């Protein structure tokens, strides 16, 4: 796919294969769970007055995932607003700085993606993104409205819901009159949760990034639910109504929605396994496989990780040529080359494929990428997005198309002739 950002040519097939293995492990975002376990332990140690052991736990969390930045962020918040000494803030700040330097020296971070963003590379651009994504995630954390709904392009309405949730929680907090111990704890937990929430905005605003911020938001909601139905106090009826809304959302609606989401994810995961198992790929020796016209990442992205992990000898590399939600016209030029044209919409135009290339990084005719032994040239663009590609596969490659729920082998038409490959929905039923 032509979403290679600033890295230019990619000819190292070993790198492609390593990326496929990472797909297999990142599908369920288990790295966030690894970081969350270590950060939770670190916070418990910090609360017991053992900052050195807490720091070690936070280091373990950072080694597991960049989401582990929440650990030193909570620590810094405890030093600035909570029970820790002010000068202790230097330790978590130093830990964050060392990690970020090591992270970038190791080649980590997002580049040119339309979904993942590096705050240090483009602070102003990230601030604009966070201004929308933070309220979207607050709607999920405070009111139980799934942030995954933003995937369909509904981020602004969800952001308004998040701002409303923030006003509701602020009103309930003022009216509930927490005791001093509760206030002292929330005084650093909530700012720490907000800081961890900003870290989550670097990626897609999905509920999985709330695992660590929820360590603070759960405490806040617990206090509000505990005191929300108290008989005395101002605005008793409004406070009780707001608390009842939180009860319904978090204790009735959210659990049911989570079960539905788990069932959907299970269905998609089984679908990905079927895509990999039924793909019409020749037996060893390993092949170079190219997928034509599949907009669902459950077809063109994650199955390659399953193949790389379970059957590494079947594919040397597995590369999608287009992830656009569109029918495609393939016109053969000679024995190993053809043109590929998206008929309904260009590549990188609102589909999941924007993950690989940001809209503000346009292509121009003549841009060329070499990957997986193939040469792919942009022949025509539409508002900076590729509309037609010229592809030279080289020798010994296989073409697959998504058809009838399987990745089927695609035979090239005779030279000079064309074939239209219609778009079909994939296992996720979203893209």
Protein backbone atom coordinates (compact mmCIF):
# COMPACT_ATOMS: atom_id res chain seq x y z
CA UNK A 1 0.00 0.00 0.00
CA UNK A 2 1.24 3.49 -0.81
CA UNK A 3 1.15 4.61 2.80
CA UNK A 4 4.85 4.55 3.52
CA UNK A 5 5.06 8.08 4.89
CA UNK A 6 8.58 9.51 5.01
CA UNK A 7 10.43 6.23 4.84
CA UNK A 8 10.67 6.12 1.05
CA UNK A 9 11.53 2.82 -0.56
CA UNK A 10 11.02 -0.40 1.34
CA UNK A 11 12.90 -3.30 -0.10
CA UNK A 12 13.75 -5.21 3.06
CA UNK A 13 11.38 -8.17 3.02
CA UNK A 14 12.56 -9.22 6.49
CA UNK A 15 11.22 -5.92 7.85
CA UNK A 16 7.85 -6.55 6.21
CA UNK A 17 7.72 -9.99 7.79
CA UNK A 18 8.57 -8.62 11.23
CA UNK A 19 5.77 -6.10 10.81
CA UNK A 20 3.38 -8.93 10.02
CA UNK A 21 4.28 -10.66 13.28
CA UNK A 22 3.70 -7.42 15.18
CA UNK A 23 0.22 -7.22 13.62
CA UNK A 24 -0.59 -10.60 15.13
CA UNK A 25 0.35 -9.45 18.63
CA UNK A 26 -1.11 -5.94 18.40
CA UNK A 27 -4.54 -7.06 17.19
CA UNK A 28 -5.90 -7.29 20.74
CA UNK A 29 -3.74 -4.41 22.10
CA UNK A 30 -2.26 -6.68 24.75
CA UNK A 31 0.63 -4.25 25.17
CA UNK A 32 -1.79 -1.87 26.93
CA UNK A 33 -2.72 -4.60 29.42
CA UNK A 34 0.96 -5.28 30.11
CA UNK A 35 1.56 -1.60 30.83
CA UNK A 36 -1.61 -1.28 32.91
CA UNK A 37 -0.64 -4.13 35.24
CA UNK A 38 2.77 -2.58 35.92
CA UNK A 39 1.40 0.96 36.33
CA UNK A 40 -1.33 -0.20 38.76
CA UNK A 41 1.36 -1.93 40.84
CA UNK A 42 3.48 1.22 40.72
CA UNK A 43 0.62 3.38 41.94
CA UNK A 44 -0.03 0.97 44.81
CA UNK A 45 3.65 1.14 45.79
CA UNK A 46 3.60 4.91 45.51
CA UNK A 47 0.59 5.09 47.83
CA UNK A 48 2.54 3.01 50.35
CA UNK A 49 5.47 5.42 50.31
CA UNK A 50 7.86 3.34 48.18
CA UNK A 51 8.77 5.62 45.26
CA UNK A 52 11.89 3.65 44.23
CA UNK A 53 9.95 0.41 43.78
CA UNK A 54 7.15 2.39 42.11
CA UNK A 55 9.65 3.82 39.64
CA UNK A 56 10.86 0.30 38.80
CA UNK A 57 7.27 -0.77 38.17
CA UNK A 58 6.72 2.24 35.90
CA UNK A 59 9.87 1.33 33.95
CA UNK A 60 8.44 -2.16 33.41
CA UNK A 61 5.23 -0.56 32.16
CA UNK A 62 7.15 1.65 29.73
CA UNK A 63 9.03 -1.38 28.42
CA UNK A 64 5.67 -2.99 27.68
CA UNK A 65 3.98 -0.08 25.91
CA UNK A 66 4.09 3.67 25.37
CA UNK A 67 0.77 3.64 27.26
CA UNK A 68 2.96 3.15 30.33
CA UNK A 69 3.68 6.90 30.23
CA UNK A 70 0.56 7.13 32.37
CA UNK A 71 2.62 5.85 35.32
CA UNK A 72 5.07 8.74 35.63
CA UNK A 73 2.26 11.14 34.70
CA UNK A 74 0.25 9.98 37.73
CA UNK A 75 3.45 10.19 39.80
CA UNK A 76 4.10 13.78 38.70
CA UNK A 77 0.49 14.68 39.46
CA UNK A 78 0.84 13.22 42.97
CA UNK A 79 3.92 15.38 43.52
CA UNK A 80 2.30 18.56 42.22
CA UNK A 81 -1.23 18.22 43.59
CA UNK A 82 -1.20 15.33 46.05
CA UNK A 83 0.61 13.82 49.01
CA UNK A 84 4.08 13.59 47.43
CA UNK A 85 6.71 16.27 47.96
CA UNK A 86 6.92 18.93 45.24
CA UNK A 87 10.60 18.34 44.50
CA UNK A 88 9.80 14.69 43.81
CA UNK A 89 8.27 15.79 40.48
CA UNK A 90 11.79 15.81 39.01
CA UNK A 91 11.99 12.01 39.10
CA UNK A 92 8.90 11.26 36.94
CA UNK A 93 9.73 14.13 34.58
CA UNK A 94 13.25 12.71 34.12
CA UNK A 95 11.79 9.24 33.55
CA UNK A 96 9.46 10.59 30.86
CA UNK A 97 12.30 12.49 29.18
CA UNK A 98 14.66 9.51 29.14
CA UNK A 99 11.94 7.27 27.76
CA UNK A 100 11.00 9.68 24.96
CA UNK A 101 14.64 10.09 23.91
CA UNK A 102 15.19 6.31 23.90
CA UNK A 103 11.89 5.79 22.10
CA UNK A 104 12.82 8.09 19.24
CA UNK A 105 16.41 6.84 19.02
CA UNK A 106 14.98 3.33 18.64
CA UNK A 107 12.82 4.51 15.74
CA UNK A 108 9.52 4.55 17.61
CA UNK A 109 6.70 6.95 16.96
CA UNK A 110 4.18 7.61 14.21
CA UNK A 111 5.17 9.19 10.91
CA UNK A 112 2.82 10.55 8.26
CA UNK A 113 -0.15 8.52 9.54
CA UNK A 114 -3.69 9.79 9.29
CA UNK A 115 -4.66 8.04 12.54
CA UNK A 116 -1.58 7.94 14.79
CA UNK A 117 0.23 11.16 15.65
CA UNK A 118 3.51 12.17 17.23
CA UNK A 119 2.99 15.16 19.57
CA UNK A 120 6.67 16.11 19.45
CA UNK A 121 6.83 16.13 15.64
CA UNK A 122 3.78 18.38 15.21
CA UNK A 123 2.68 19.95 18.52
CA UNK A 124 0.12 22.31 17.00
CA UNK A 125 -1.41 19.63 14.80
CA UNK A 126 -1.61 17.26 17.75
CA UNK A 127 -3.23 19.95 19.91
CA UNK A 128 -5.99 20.35 17.32
CA UNK A 129 -6.54 16.59 17.25
CA UNK A 130 -6.51 16.28 21.03
CA UNK A 131 -9.07 19.09 21.33
CA UNK A 132 -11.57 16.73 19.70
CA UNK A 133 -10.32 13.34 20.89
CA UNK A 134 -10.09 14.23 24.59
CA UNK A 135 -13.84 15.02 24.82
CA UNK A 136 -14.61 11.90 22.75
CA UNK A 137 -12.71 9.77 25.26
CA UNK A 138 -14.29 11.65 28.19
CA UNK A 139 -17.72 10.69 26.85
CA UNK A 140 -16.63 7.07 27.13
CA UNK A 141 -14.85 7.35 30.49
CA UNK A 142 -17.45 9.48 32.29
CA UNK A 143 -20.72 8.54 30.59
CA UNK A 144 -20.05 5.13 29.05
CA UNK A 145 -20.66 6.25 25.44
CA UNK A 146 -18.36 4.02 23.33
CA UNK A 147 -15.60 6.08 21.76
CA UNK A 148 -15.41 3.52 18.93
CA UNK A 149 -18.46 5.26 17.47
CA UNK A 150 -16.03 7.95 16.31
CA UNK A 151 -14.68 5.50 13.73
CA UNK A 152 -17.63 6.27 11.47
CA UNK A 153 -16.69 9.95 11.23
CA UNK A 154 -18.86 11.12 14.14
CA UNK A 155 -16.08 12.61 16.29
CA UNK A 156 -17.60 16.14 16.61
CA UNK A 157 -20.99 14.96 17.97
CA UNK A 158 -19.24 12.61 20.39
CA UNK A 159 -16.98 15.45 21.48
CA UNK A 160 -20.08 17.49 22.38
CA UNK A 161 -21.37 14.52 24.40
CA UNK A 162 -18.02 14.42 26.18
CA UNK A 163 -18.22 18.10 27.09
CA UNK A 164 -21.73 17.52 28.41
CA UNK A 165 -20.47 14.58 30.48
CA UNK A 166 -17.72 16.79 31.90
CA UNK A 167 -20.28 19.42 32.94
CA UNK A 168 -22.49 16.77 34.52
CA UNK A 169 -19.64 15.25 36.52
CA UNK A 170 -18.45 18.69 37.60
CA UNK A 171 -21.96 19.57 38.81
CA UNK A 172 -22.29 16.29 40.73
CA UNK A 173 -18.87 16.72 42.32
CA UNK A 174 -19.70 20.21 43.60
CA UNK A 175 -23.08 19.12 44.93
CA UNK A 176 -21.94 15.82 46.44
CA UNK A 177 -19.53 17.44 48.88
CA UNK A 178 -16.85 14.70 49.14
CA UNK A 179 -14.96 14.57 52.42
CA UNK A 180 -11.42 15.86 52.70
CA UNK A 181 -9.80 12.45 52.25
CA UNK A 182 -11.71 11.90 49.02
CA UNK A 183 -10.88 15.38 47.78
CA UNK A 184 -7.19 14.92 48.59
CA UNK A 185 -7.05 11.70 46.58
CA UNK A 186 -9.03 12.98 43.61
CA UNK A 187 -6.96 16.18 43.60
CA UNK A 188 -4.06 14.25 42.01
CA UNK A 189 -5.78 11.20 40.54
CA UNK A 190 -8.03 13.18 38.20
CA UNK A 191 -5.27 15.42 36.74
CA UNK A 192 -3.17 12.28 36.33
CA UNK A 193 -6.03 10.59 34.49
CA UNK A 194 -6.43 13.61 32.20
CA UNK A 195 -2.71 13.55 31.42
CA UNK A 196 -2.87 9.84 30.63
CA UNK A 197 -5.89 10.58 28.45
CA UNK A 198 -3.83 12.98 26.32
CA UNK A 199 -1.30 10.18 25.76
CA UNK A 200 -4.18 8.04 24.48
CA UNK A 201 -5.02 10.70 21.88
CA UNK A 202 -1.87 9.84 19.94
CA UNK A 203 -3.73 6.84 18.51
CA UNK A 204 -7.25 6.03 17.43
CA UNK A 205 -9.71 7.12 20.17
CA UNK A 206 -10.80 3.63 21.14
CA UNK A 207 -11.86 2.52 24.61
CA UNK A 208 -8.72 0.41 25.02
CA UNK A 209 -6.67 3.59 25.61
CA UNK A 210 -8.82 4.31 28.69
CA UNK A 211 -7.50 1.38 30.69
CA UNK A 212 -4.91 3.52 32.47
CA UNK A 213 -6.82 6.85 32.64
CA UNK A 214 -9.72 4.92 34.19
CA UNK A 215 -7.56 4.29 37.26
CA UNK A 216 -8.34 7.92 38.09
CA UNK A 217 -11.78 8.29 36.54
CA UNK A 218 -13.08 5.16 38.30
CA UNK A 219 -12.21 6.70 41.66
CA UNK A 220 -14.04 9.91 40.72
CA UNK A 221 -17.14 8.04 39.57
CA UNK A 222 -17.04 5.87 42.69
CA UNK A 223 -17.19 8.95 44.92
CA UNK A 224 -20.05 10.45 42.89
CA UNK A 225 -22.09 7.24 43.00
CA UNK A 226 -21.41 6.80 46.71
CA UNK A 227 -22.59 10.29 47.63
CA UNK A 228 -24.96 11.14 44.83
CA UNK A 229 -28.17 10.01 46.53
CA UNK A 230 -27.48 11.67 49.89
CA UNK A 231 -30.63 13.21 51.34
CA UNK A 232 -29.12 16.56 52.30
CA UNK A 233 -27.39 19.17 50.20
CA UNK A 234 -28.21 21.60 47.41
CA UNK A 235 -30.00 20.63 44.18
CA UNK A 236 -31.00 17.27 45.65
CA UNK A 237 -33.37 16.29 42.84
CA UNK A 238 -30.99 17.31 40.05
CA UNK A 239 -28.12 15.56 41.81
CA UNK A 240 -30.13 12.37 42.23
CA UNK A 241 -31.19 12.46 38.56
CA UNK A 242 -27.61 12.94 37.38
CA UNK A 243 -26.38 10.15 39.63
CA UNK A 244 -29.14 7.86 38.37
CA UNK A 245 -27.97 8.55 34.81
CA UNK A 246 -24.44 7.50 35.77
CA UNK A 247 -25.78 4.34 37.42
CA UNK A 248 -27.77 3.36 34.34
CA UNK A 249 -24.96 4.13 31.93
CA UNK A 250 -22.12 2.49 33.84
CA UNK A 251 -23.91 -0.39 35.56
CA UNK A 252 -26.54 -1.35 33.00
CA UNK A 253 -25.87 0.01 29.51
CA UNK A 254 -22.05 -0.21 29.52
CA UNK A 255 -21.84 -3.88 30.63
CA UNK A 256 -24.35 -4.92 27.97
CA UNK A 257 -22.53 -2.84 25.33
CA UNK A 258 -19.23 -4.43 26.36
CA UNK A 259 -20.65 -7.92 25.95
CA UNK A 260 -21.95 -7.00 22.50
CA UNK A 261 -18.56 -5.52 21.61
CA UNK A 262 -16.75 -8.64 22.81
CA UNK A 263 -19.05 -10.82 20.73
CA UNK A 264 -18.37 -8.66 17.67
CA UNK A 265 -14.62 -8.76 18.23
CA UNK A 266 -14.78 -12.53 18.63
CA UNK A 267 -16.66 -12.81 15.35
CA UNK A 268 -14.17 -10.59 13.56
CA UNK A 269 -11.21 -12.52 15.03
CA UNK A 270 -12.67 -15.82 13.84
CA UNK A 271 -13.26 -14.20 10.47
CA UNK A 272 -9.61 -13.16 10.29
CA UNK A 273 -8.53 -16.71 11.07
CA UNK A 274 -10.79 -18.00 8.28
CA UNK A 275 -9.40 -15.45 5.82
CA UNK A 276 -5.86 -16.65 6.56
CA UNK A 277 -6.80 -20.35 6.52
CA UNK A 278 -8.73 -20.23 3.23
CA UNK A 279 -6.46 -17.85 1.29
CA UNK A 280 -5.55 -19.41 -2.05
CA UNK A 281 -1.79 -19.25 -1.63
CA UNK A 282 0.45 -21.89 -3.12
CA UNK A 283 2.30 -24.26 -0.81
CA UNK A 284 6.01 -23.65 -0.11
CA UNK A 285 8.33 -22.34 -1.38
CA UNK A 286 7.23 -19.06 0.16
CA UNK A 287 5.42 -16.66 -2.14
CA UNK A 288 5.13 -12.92 -2.60
CA UNK A 289 1.42 -12.21 -2.25
CA UNK A 290 -0.39 -9.04 -3.36
CA UNK A 291 -4.03 -8.28 -2.46
CA UNK A 292 -6.15 -6.24 -4.87
CA UNK A 293 -9.18 -4.25 -3.74
CA UNK A 294 -10.07 -5.05 -0.14
CA UNK A 295 -10.97 -2.14 2.13
CA UNK A 296 -11.41 -4.20 5.30
CA UNK A 297 -8.22 -4.51 7.42
CA UNK A 298 -9.59 -7.87 8.55
CA UNK A 299 -8.83 -8.97 4.97
CA UNK A 300 -5.63 -7.21 3.96
CA UNK A 301 -3.85 -6.35 7.22
CA UNK A 302 -4.37 -8.77 10.09
CA UNK A 303 -4.44 -12.08 8.18
CA UNK A 304 -0.84 -11.51 7.15
CA UNK A 305 0.08 -11.60 10.84
CA UNK A 306 -1.74 -14.90 11.29
CA UNK A 307 0.04 -16.34 8.26
CA UNK A 308 3.42 -15.05 9.40
CA UNK A 309 2.95 -16.58 12.83
CA UNK A 310 1.16 -19.84 12.08
CA UNK A 311 2.50 -20.64 8.61
CA UNK A 312 5.65 -18.58 8.07
CA UNK A 313 6.77 -20.66 5.08
CA UNK A 314 3.68 -19.87 3.00
CA UNK A 315 4.40 -16.20 2.42
CA UNK A 316 7.62 -14.26 2.19
CA UNK A 317 5.65 -11.01 2.15
CA UNK A 318 1.97 -10.09 1.97
CA UNK A 319 1.16 -6.65 0.59
CA UNK A 320 -2.16 -4.90 -0.20
CA UNK A 321 -2.15 -2.78 -3.34
CA UNK A 322 -5.29 -0.84 -2.38
CA UNK A 323 -7.38 -0.48 0.74
CA UNK A 324 -10.00 1.81 -0.80
CA UNK A 325 -13.68 1.03 -0.40
CA UNK A 326 -14.17 0.93 -4.13
CA UNK A 327 -14.43 -1.31 -7.13
CA UNK A 328 -11.19 -1.50 -9.11
CA UNK A 329 -10.33 -1.88 -12.76
CA UNK A 330 -7.22 -3.92 -13.48
CA UNK A 331 -5.74 -3.55 -16.98
CA UNK A 332 -2.90 -5.83 -17.96
CA UNK A 333 0.10 -4.27 -19.72
CA UNK A 334 2.49 -7.21 -20.18
CA UNK A 335 3.52 -10.47 -18.53
CA UNK A 336 4.13 -9.01 -15.08
CA UNK A 337 2.73 -5.47 -15.04
CA UNK A 338 -0.70 -3.85 -15.00
CA UNK A 339 -2.55 -0.69 -14.04
CA UNK A 340 -4.98 -0.60 -11.10
CA UNK A 341 -7.67 2.10 -10.98
CA UNK A 342 -10.07 2.79 -8.12
CA UNK A 343 -13.44 3.49 -9.74
CA UNK A 344 -15.66 4.80 -6.91
CA UNK A 345 -13.22 6.74 -4.74
CA UNK A 346 -9.43 7.19 -4.66
CA UNK A 347 -7.10 5.48 -2.26
CA UNK A 348 -6.66 7.07 1.19
CA UNK A 349 -10.07 8.76 0.93
CA UNK A 350 -11.82 8.13 4.23
CA UNK A 351 -11.24 4.40 4.48
CA UNK A 352 -9.12 2.62 7.07
CA UNK A 353 -6.19 3.02 4.68
CA UNK A 354 -5.75 6.60 5.97
CA UNK A 355 -3.95 4.92 8.84
CA UNK A 356 -0.97 4.58 6.52
CA UNK A 357 -0.88 8.08 5.03
CA UNK A 358 -2.15 11.39 6.39
CA UNK A 359 -4.41 13.50 4.13
CA UNK A 360 -2.02 16.44 4.42
CA UNK A 361 0.73 14.47 2.65
CA UNK A 362 -0.50 14.38 -0.96
CA UNK A 363 0.88 12.22 -3.73
CA UNK A 364 1.84 13.48 -7.17
CA UNK A 365 1.97 11.55 -10.45
CA UNK A 366 5.29 9.79 -10.76
CA UNK A 367 5.75 9.03 -7.05
CA UNK A 368 7.20 5.52 -6.86
CA UNK A 369 7.45 2.93 -4.12
CA UNK A 370 9.42 -0.33 -4.24
CA UNK A 371 8.19 -2.93 -1.80
CA UNK A 372 8.02 -6.71 -1.60
CA UNK A 373 9.94 -6.99 -4.86
CA UNK A 374 7.37 -4.91 -6.76
CA UNK A 375 7.55 -1.39 -8.20
CA UNK A 376 4.41 0.70 -7.73
CA UNK A 377 4.08 4.07 -9.44
CA UNK A 378 1.33 6.68 -9.00
CA UNK A 379 -0.09 7.36 -12.46
CA UNK A 380 -3.05 9.60 -11.60
CA UNK A 381 -4.25 11.44 -8.50
CA UNK A 382 -7.49 12.98 -7.24
CA UNK A 383 -6.90 15.84 -4.77
CA UNK A 384 -3.51 14.37 -3.91
CA UNK A 385 -4.86 10.84 -3.42
CA UNK A 386 -3.87 8.06 -5.83
CA UNK A 387 -6.56 7.16 -8.35
CA UNK A 388 -4.56 4.93 -10.70
CA UNK A 389 -1.41 2.89 -10.07
CA UNK A 390 1.09 1.30 -12.41
CA UNK A 391 2.32 -1.96 -10.89
CA UNK A 392 5.27 -4.13 -11.93
CA UNK A 393 5.17 -7.24 -9.75
CA UNK A 394 8.38 -8.83 -10.95
CA UNK A 395 8.66 -12.58 -11.25
CA UNK A 396 7.14 -15.19 -8.96
CA UNK A 397 4.23 -13.24 -7.42
CA UNK A 398 0.61 -14.12 -6.70
CA UNK A 399 -2.41 -11.83 -6.97
CA UNK A 400 -5.40 -12.33 -4.69
CA UNK A 401 -8.82 -10.66 -4.66
CA UNK A 402 -11.49 -10.57 -1.95
CA UNK A 403 -14.44 -12.44 -3.40
CA UNK A 404 -17.30 -14.43 -1.87
CA UNK A 405 -15.82 -14.21 1.61
CA UNK A 406 -12.37 -15.56 0.65
CA UNK A 407 -9.06 -14.38 -0.70
CA UNK A 408 -9.17 -16.04 -4.11
CA UNK A 409 -6.46 -16.23 -6.74
CA UNK A 410 -6.85 -13.56 -9.42
CA UNK A 411 -5.79 -14.43 -12.94
CA UNK A 412 -4.54 -11.55 -15.04
CA UNK A 413 -6.55 -10.90 -18.23
CA UNK A 414 -4.80 -11.04 -21.63
CA UNK A 415 -2.44 -8.10 -22.37
CA UNK A 416 -4.38 -4.97 -23.23
CA UNK A 417 -7.63 -6.21 -21.66
CA UNK A 418 -9.27 -5.25 -18.35
CA UNK A 419 -11.22 -6.86 -15.55
CA UNK A 420 -13.37 -5.06 -12.96
CA UNK A 421 -13.01 -6.24 -9.37
CA UNK A 422 -16.17 -5.29 -7.43
CA UNK A 423 -15.99 -4.19 -3.82
CA UNK A 424 -17.35 -6.62 -1.23
CA UNK A 425 -17.68 -6.17 2.57
CA UNK A 426 -15.19 -7.96 4.79
CA UNK A 427 -15.52 -9.73 8.15
CA UNK A 428 -15.64 -6.52 10.22
CA UNK A 429 -18.73 -5.25 8.33
CA UNK A 430 -17.53 -1.70 9.04
CA UNK A 431 -15.31 -0.66 6.15
